[in-house]
C-alpha atoms as a PDB file:
ATOM      1  CA  MET A   1       2.530 -44.538  58.198  1.00  0.00           C
ATOM      2  CA  PRO A   2       0.944 -41.529  57.655  1.00  0.00           C
ATOM      3  CA  GLY A   3       3.322 -38.603  56.697  1.00  0.00           C
ATOM      4  CA  SER A   4       4.069 -34.992  54.660  1.00  0.00           C
ATOM      5  CA  ASP A   5       4.946 -35.038  51.101  1.00  0.00           C
ATOM      6  CA  ALA A   6       8.049 -33.469  52.768  1.00  0.00           C
ATOM      7  CA  ALA A   7       9.223 -36.387  54.698  1.00  0.00           C
ATOM      8  CA  ARG A   8       9.447 -38.490  51.722  1.00  0.00           C
ATOM      9  CA  GLY A   9      12.634 -39.387  50.001  1.00  0.00           C
ATOM     10  CA  VAL A  10      14.296 -35.895  51.561  1.00  0.00           C
ATOM     11  CA  ARG A  11      18.540 -36.457  50.702  1.00  0.00           C
ATOM     12  CA  ALA A  12      20.738 -34.401  53.163  1.00  0.00           C
ATOM     13  CA  VAL A  13      24.456 -34.466  53.538  1.00  0.00           C
ATOM     14  CA  THR A  14      25.877 -33.442  57.177  1.00  0.00           C
ATOM     15  CA  ALA A  15      28.435 -30.975  58.067  1.00  0.00           C
ATOM     16  CA  THR A  16      30.589 -34.230  58.300  1.00  0.00           C
ATOM     17  CA  GLY A  17      30.084 -35.728  54.928  1.00  0.00           C
ATOM     18  CA  LEU A  18      27.523 -37.849  56.160  1.00  0.00           C
ATOM     19  CA  GLU A  19      24.433 -38.569  53.277  1.00  0.00           C
ATOM     20  CA  VAL A  20      21.568 -39.709  54.757  1.00  0.00           C
ATOM     21  CA  HIS A  21      17.957 -40.094  53.357  1.00  0.00           C
ATOM     22  CA  LEU A  22      14.803 -39.235  55.561  1.00  0.00           C
ATOM     23  CA  ARG A  23      11.752 -41.172  54.997  1.00  0.00           C
ATOM     24  CA  ASP A  24       8.562 -42.186  56.761  1.00  0.00           C
ATOM     25  CA  LEU A  25       8.602 -45.655  58.777  1.00  0.00           C
ATOM     26  CA  GLN A  26       8.329 -48.317  57.516  1.00  0.00           C
ATOM     27  CA  PRO A  27       7.435 -51.375  59.210  1.00  0.00           C
ATOM     28  CA  VAL A  28      10.952 -52.427  58.151  1.00  0.00           C
ATOM     29  CA  ASP A  29      12.382 -50.565  59.767  1.00  0.00           C
ATOM     30  CA  GLU A  30      10.919 -51.186  63.760  1.00  0.00           C
ATOM     31  CA  PRO A  31      13.026 -53.064  64.369  1.00  0.00           C
ATOM     32  CA  SER A  32      16.059 -50.449  64.345  1.00  0.00           C
ATOM     33  CA  VAL A  33      14.533 -48.087  65.784  1.00  0.00           C
ATOM     34  CA  PHE A  34      13.447 -49.899  68.895  1.00  0.00           C
ATOM     35  CA  ALA A  35      16.705 -51.065  69.609  1.00  0.00           C
ATOM     36  CA  MET A  36      17.619 -47.544  69.220  1.00  0.00           C
ATOM     37  CA  PHE A  37      15.549 -46.515  71.493  1.00  0.00           C
ATOM     38  CA  ARG A  38      16.391 -49.823  73.775  1.00  0.00           C
ATOM     39  CA  ALA A  39      19.762 -48.331  73.670  1.00  0.00           C
ATOM     40  CA  VAL A  40      18.905 -44.948  74.762  1.00  0.00           C
ATOM     41  CA  VAL A  41      16.458 -45.564  77.634  1.00  0.00           C
ATOM     42  CA  ALA A  42      18.809 -48.265  78.969  1.00  0.00           C
ATOM     43  CA  ALA A  43      21.470 -45.387  78.937  1.00  0.00           C
ATOM     44  CA  GLY A  44      19.409 -42.504  81.258  1.00  0.00           C
ATOM     45  CA  GLU A  45      19.770 -40.647  78.175  1.00  0.00           C
ATOM     46  CA  GLY A  46      16.498 -37.948  77.896  1.00  0.00           C
ATOM     47  CA  TYR A  47      14.019 -40.250  78.470  1.00  0.00           C
ATOM     48  CA  PRO A  48      11.536 -41.312  80.720  1.00  0.00           C
ATOM     49  CA  GLN A  49      11.144 -45.195  81.169  1.00  0.00           C
ATOM     50  CA  ASP A  50      12.838 -46.973  83.882  1.00  0.00           C
ATOM     51  CA  PRO A  51      16.761 -47.855  82.322  1.00  0.00           C
ATOM     52  CA  ALA A  52      16.298 -50.692  84.513  1.00  0.00           C
ATOM     53  CA  LEU A  53      13.500 -51.934  82.921  1.00  0.00           C
ATOM     54  CA  THR A  54      13.027 -53.850  79.094  1.00  0.00           C
ATOM     55  CA  LEU A  55      10.418 -52.332  77.512  1.00  0.00           C
ATOM     56  CA  GLY A  56       8.648 -54.529  75.208  1.00  0.00           C
ATOM     57  CA  ASP A  57       8.381 -54.209  71.320  1.00  0.00           C
ATOM     58  CA  GLU A  58       4.280 -53.236  71.437  1.00  0.00           C
ATOM     59  CA  GLU A  59       5.131 -50.773  74.573  1.00  0.00           C
ATOM     60  CA  ILE A  60       7.683 -48.718  72.258  1.00  0.00           C
ATOM     61  CA  ARG A  61       5.267 -49.079  69.468  1.00  0.00           C
ATOM     62  CA  GLY A  62       3.059 -47.259  71.802  1.00  0.00           C
ATOM     63  CA  TYR A  63       5.415 -44.044  72.806  1.00  0.00           C
ATOM     64  CA  TRP A  64       7.630 -43.375  68.886  1.00  0.00           C
ATOM     65  CA  ILE A  65       5.093 -44.759  66.503  1.00  0.00           C
ATOM     66  CA  ALA A  66       1.537 -44.551  67.533  1.00  0.00           C
ATOM     67  CA  SER A  67      -0.713 -42.711  65.489  1.00  0.00           C
ATOM     68  CA  TRP A  68       1.429 -40.059  65.162  1.00  0.00           C
ATOM     69  CA  PRO A  69       1.095 -37.951  62.169  1.00  0.00           C
ATOM     70  CA  ALA A  70       4.554 -38.307  60.898  1.00  0.00           C
ATOM     71  CA  VAL A  71       7.242 -40.586  62.554  1.00  0.00           C
ATOM     72  CA  VAL A  72      10.927 -40.550  60.444  1.00  0.00           C
ATOM     73  CA  VAL A  73      13.649 -42.510  60.084  1.00  0.00           C
ATOM     74  CA  ALA A  74      17.321 -41.064  59.174  1.00  0.00           C
ATOM     75  CA  THR A  75      18.894 -44.253  57.095  1.00  0.00           C
ATOM     76  CA  THR A  76      22.740 -44.386  55.344  1.00  0.00           C
ATOM     77  CA  SER A  77      23.566 -46.896  52.874  1.00  0.00           C
ATOM     78  CA  SER A  78      27.088 -49.107  52.888  1.00  0.00           C
ATOM     79  CA  GLY A  79      28.997 -49.568  49.243  1.00  0.00           C
ATOM     80  CA  GLY A  80      26.791 -52.744  48.741  1.00  0.00           C
ATOM     81  CA  GLY A  81      23.463 -50.624  48.733  1.00  0.00           C
ATOM     82  CA  ASP A  82      22.430 -52.128  52.181  1.00  0.00           C
ATOM     83  CA  GLU A  83      20.120 -49.670  53.834  1.00  0.00           C
ATOM     84  CA  ARG A  84      20.710 -48.583  57.821  1.00  0.00           C
ATOM     85  CA  VAL A  85      18.487 -47.036  60.047  1.00  0.00           C
ATOM     86  CA  VAL A  86      20.943 -44.448  62.354  1.00  0.00           C
ATOM     87  CA  GLY A  87      18.483 -42.099  63.879  1.00  0.00           C
ATOM     88  CA  SER A  88      14.557 -41.500  64.175  1.00  0.00           C
ATOM     89  CA  PHE A  89      12.373 -38.699  65.050  1.00  0.00           C
ATOM     90  CA  PHE A  90       7.977 -38.095  65.639  1.00  0.00           C
ATOM     91  CA  LEU A  91       5.996 -35.312  65.086  1.00  0.00           C
ATOM     92  CA  LYS A  92       2.746 -35.537  67.848  1.00  0.00           C
ATOM     93  CA  PRO A  93       0.495 -32.549  68.464  1.00  0.00           C
ATOM     94  CA  ASN A  94       1.896 -31.104  72.231  1.00  0.00           C
ATOM     95  CA  GLY A  95      -1.893 -30.846  73.278  1.00  0.00           C
ATOM     96  CA  VAL A  96      -5.208 -30.722  72.214  1.00  0.00           C
ATOM     97  CA  GLY A  97      -8.006 -28.620  70.651  1.00  0.00           C
ATOM     98  CA  ARG A  98      -7.053 -24.486  70.685  1.00  0.00           C
ATOM     99  CA  ALA A  99      -3.526 -26.286  72.325  1.00  0.00           C
ATOM    100  CA  ALA A 100      -2.896 -28.672  68.889  1.00  0.00           C
ATOM    101  CA  HIS A 101      -1.221 -25.954  66.894  1.00  0.00           C
ATOM    102  CA  VAL A 102       2.292 -27.130  69.070  1.00  0.00           C
ATOM    103  CA  ALA A 103       3.880 -30.263  68.100  1.00  0.00           C
ATOM    104  CA  ASN A 104       6.171 -32.419  70.116  1.00  0.00           C
ATOM    105  CA  ALA A 105       9.073 -34.208  68.555  1.00  0.00           C
ATOM    106  CA  GLY A 106      11.371 -37.284  70.186  1.00  0.00           C
ATOM    107  CA  TYR A 107      15.238 -37.550  68.437  1.00  0.00           C
ATOM    108  CA  ILE A 108      16.853 -40.664  68.335  1.00  0.00           C
ATOM    109  CA  VAL A 109      20.369 -41.250  66.876  1.00  0.00           C
ATOM    110  CA  ALA A 110      22.462 -43.964  66.657  1.00  0.00           C
ATOM    111  CA  ALA A 111      25.531 -44.327  69.195  1.00  0.00           C
ATOM    112  CA  ASP A 112      28.432 -44.940  66.667  1.00  0.00           C
ATOM    113  CA  VAL A 113      26.966 -42.009  64.418  1.00  0.00           C
ATOM    114  CA  ARG A 114      26.601 -39.103  66.991  1.00  0.00           C
ATOM    115  CA  GLY A 115      28.625 -35.972  66.561  1.00  0.00           C
ATOM    116  CA  ARG A 116      27.723 -36.665  62.620  1.00  0.00           C
ATOM    117  CA  GLY A 117      25.197 -34.187  62.036  1.00  0.00           C
ATOM    118  CA  VAL A 118      22.627 -37.138  62.058  1.00  0.00           C
ATOM    119  CA  GLY A 119      21.064 -34.930  65.135  1.00  0.00           C
ATOM    120  CA  THR A 120      21.269 -31.439  63.383  1.00  0.00           C
ATOM    121  CA  VAL A 121      19.646 -32.977  60.406  1.00  0.00           C
ATOM    122  CA  LEU A 122      16.460 -34.861  62.045  1.00  0.00           C
ATOM    123  CA  VAL A 123      15.861 -31.635  63.972  1.00  0.00           C
ATOM    124  CA  GLU A 124      15.977 -28.852  60.675  1.00  0.00           C
ATOM    125  CA  HIS A 125      13.705 -32.035  59.005  1.00  0.00           C
ATOM    126  CA  SER A 126      11.710 -31.723  61.735  1.00  0.00           C
ATOM    127  CA  PHE A 127      11.068 -27.954  61.017  1.00  0.00           C
ATOM    128  CA  VAL A 128      10.284 -27.784  57.707  1.00  0.00           C
ATOM    129  CA  LEU A 129       7.769 -31.066  58.208  1.00  0.00           C
ATOM    130  CA  ALA A 130       6.442 -29.442  61.241  1.00  0.00           C
ATOM    131  CA  ALA A 131       5.441 -26.780  59.325  1.00  0.00           C
ATOM    132  CA  ASP A 132       3.691 -28.300  56.564  1.00  0.00           C
ATOM    133  CA  LEU A 133       1.896 -30.444  58.769  1.00  0.00           C
ATOM    134  CA  GLY A 134       0.478 -27.467  59.570  1.00  0.00           C
ATOM    135  CA  TYR A 135       2.247 -26.713  63.442  1.00  0.00           C
ATOM    136  CA  ASP A 136       3.466 -23.311  64.164  1.00  0.00           C
ATOM    137  CA  ALA A 137       5.807 -23.702  67.127  1.00  0.00           C
ATOM    138  CA  LEU A 138       7.623 -27.221  68.561  1.00  0.00           C
ATOM    139  CA  GLN A 139       7.787 -27.837  72.185  1.00  0.00           C
ATOM    140  CA  PHE A 140      10.207 -30.162  74.321  1.00  0.00           C
ATOM    141  CA  ASN A 141       8.344 -30.620  77.632  1.00  0.00           C
ATOM    142  CA  PHE A 142      10.878 -32.925  79.282  1.00  0.00           C
ATOM    143  CA  VAL A 143      14.563 -32.425  78.358  1.00  0.00           C
ATOM    144  CA  PHE A 144      17.279 -33.186  80.721  1.00  0.00           C
ATOM    145  CA  GLU A 145      20.113 -30.666  82.490  1.00  0.00           C
ATOM    146  CA  THR A 146      22.332 -33.099  81.287  1.00  0.00           C
ATOM    147  CA  ASN A 147      21.335 -33.893  78.178  1.00  0.00           C
ATOM    148  CA  PRO A 148      23.764 -33.375  75.730  1.00  0.00           C
ATOM    149  CA  ALA A 149      21.313 -32.586  72.794  1.00  0.00           C
ATOM    150  CA  ARG A 150      20.399 -29.541  74.884  1.00  0.00           C
ATOM    151  CA  ARG A 151      23.526 -27.563  73.018  1.00  0.00           C
ATOM    152  CA  LEU A 152      21.929 -28.571  69.718  1.00  0.00           C
ATOM    153  CA  TYR A 153      18.222 -28.116  70.384  1.00  0.00           C
ATOM    154  CA  GLU A 154      19.604 -24.166  71.359  1.00  0.00           C
ATOM    155  CA  ARG A 155      21.996 -23.226  68.766  1.00  0.00           C
ATOM    156  CA  MET A 156      18.876 -24.009  66.705  1.00  0.00           C
ATOM    157  CA  GLY A 157      17.107 -21.322  68.326  1.00  0.00           C
ATOM    158  CA  PHE A 158      14.834 -22.985  71.127  1.00  0.00           C
ATOM    159  CA  GLU A 159      15.051 -21.450  74.153  1.00  0.00           C
ATOM    160  CA  VAL A 160      13.942 -23.036  77.471  1.00  0.00           C
ATOM    161  CA  VAL A 161      10.540 -21.385  78.691  1.00  0.00           C
ATOM    162  CA  GLY A 162      11.044 -23.502  81.440  1.00  0.00           C
ATOM    163  CA  ARG A 163      12.789 -25.957  84.101  1.00  0.00           C
ATOM    164  CA  VAL A 164      10.285 -28.729  86.334  1.00  0.00           C
ATOM    165  CA  PRO A 165      12.707 -29.683  89.348  1.00  0.00           C
ATOM    166  CA  GLU A 166      13.562 -33.166  90.693  1.00  0.00           C
ATOM    167  CA  VAL A 167      11.048 -34.183  87.595  1.00  0.00           C
ATOM    168  CA  ILE A 168      12.803 -37.489  87.418  1.00  0.00           C
ATOM    169  CA  ASP A 169      15.268 -39.048  89.546  1.00  0.00           C
ATOM    170  CA  GLY A 170      16.467 -35.764  91.318  1.00  0.00           C
ATOM    171  CA  GLU A 171      17.115 -34.581  88.003  1.00  0.00           C
ATOM    172  CA  ALA A 172      15.629 -31.236  86.758  1.00  0.00           C
ATOM    173  CA  VAL A 173      14.005 -31.230  83.241  1.00  0.00           C
ATOM    174  CA  LEU A 174      14.113 -27.821  80.560  1.00  0.00           C
ATOM    175  CA  VAL A 175      10.639 -27.050  78.532  1.00  0.00           C
ATOM    176  CA  TYR A 176      12.251 -25.832  75.510  1.00  0.00           C
ATOM    177  CA  TRP A 177      10.128 -24.030  72.724  1.00  0.00           C
ATOM    178  CA  ARG A 178      10.216 -22.189  69.582  1.00  0.00           C
ATOM    179  CA  ARG A 179       8.076 -21.123  66.499  1.00  0.00           C
ATOM    180  CA  LEU A 180       8.504 -22.449  63.048  1.00  0.00           C
ATOM    181  CA  THR A 181       8.181 -20.301  60.028  1.00  0.00           C
ATOM    182  CA  PRO A 182       5.986 -21.506  57.116  1.00  0.00           C
ATOM    183  CA  THR A 183       8.721 -23.234  56.151  1.00  0.00           C
ATOM    184  CA  GLY A 184      10.405 -24.352  58.820  1.00  0.00           C
END
């Protein structure tokens, strides 16, 4: 998976004391990432795919991995040294040509570690990695109004720059934007 040196081998400790390792996605990680993505979609939490449909591996690979500049996983280790994927994010250009300086990202966190700071670590790392890859801003185009991650995004400096009514099953989506500094 292409990426930046900033994505390799980064360790972080969440505010709740959970140690996570951030690294580029490897093929061995795909089943875990796909399972997390399927669970989020099935719950109707934040992605536009139909919760009633079962997503195939190739469909998820095309959406989550494709040929994006960076796909990162967050892992934790058990006492026996086994790594478990507990989150992931991708970065890609939000637009083409003259608009390619703005990144877009997607995040997922395993349900059993939500509220333990994994999302915060993923978003913080995406700032650093996006800046390292040459992006100067990060934009989310479809954040459901009911998405609990909104609190995280707003706490981390994103601002709502638009609202589109009745986009998905009658629910409005918000467009979030945040400038990046050279260090994230």
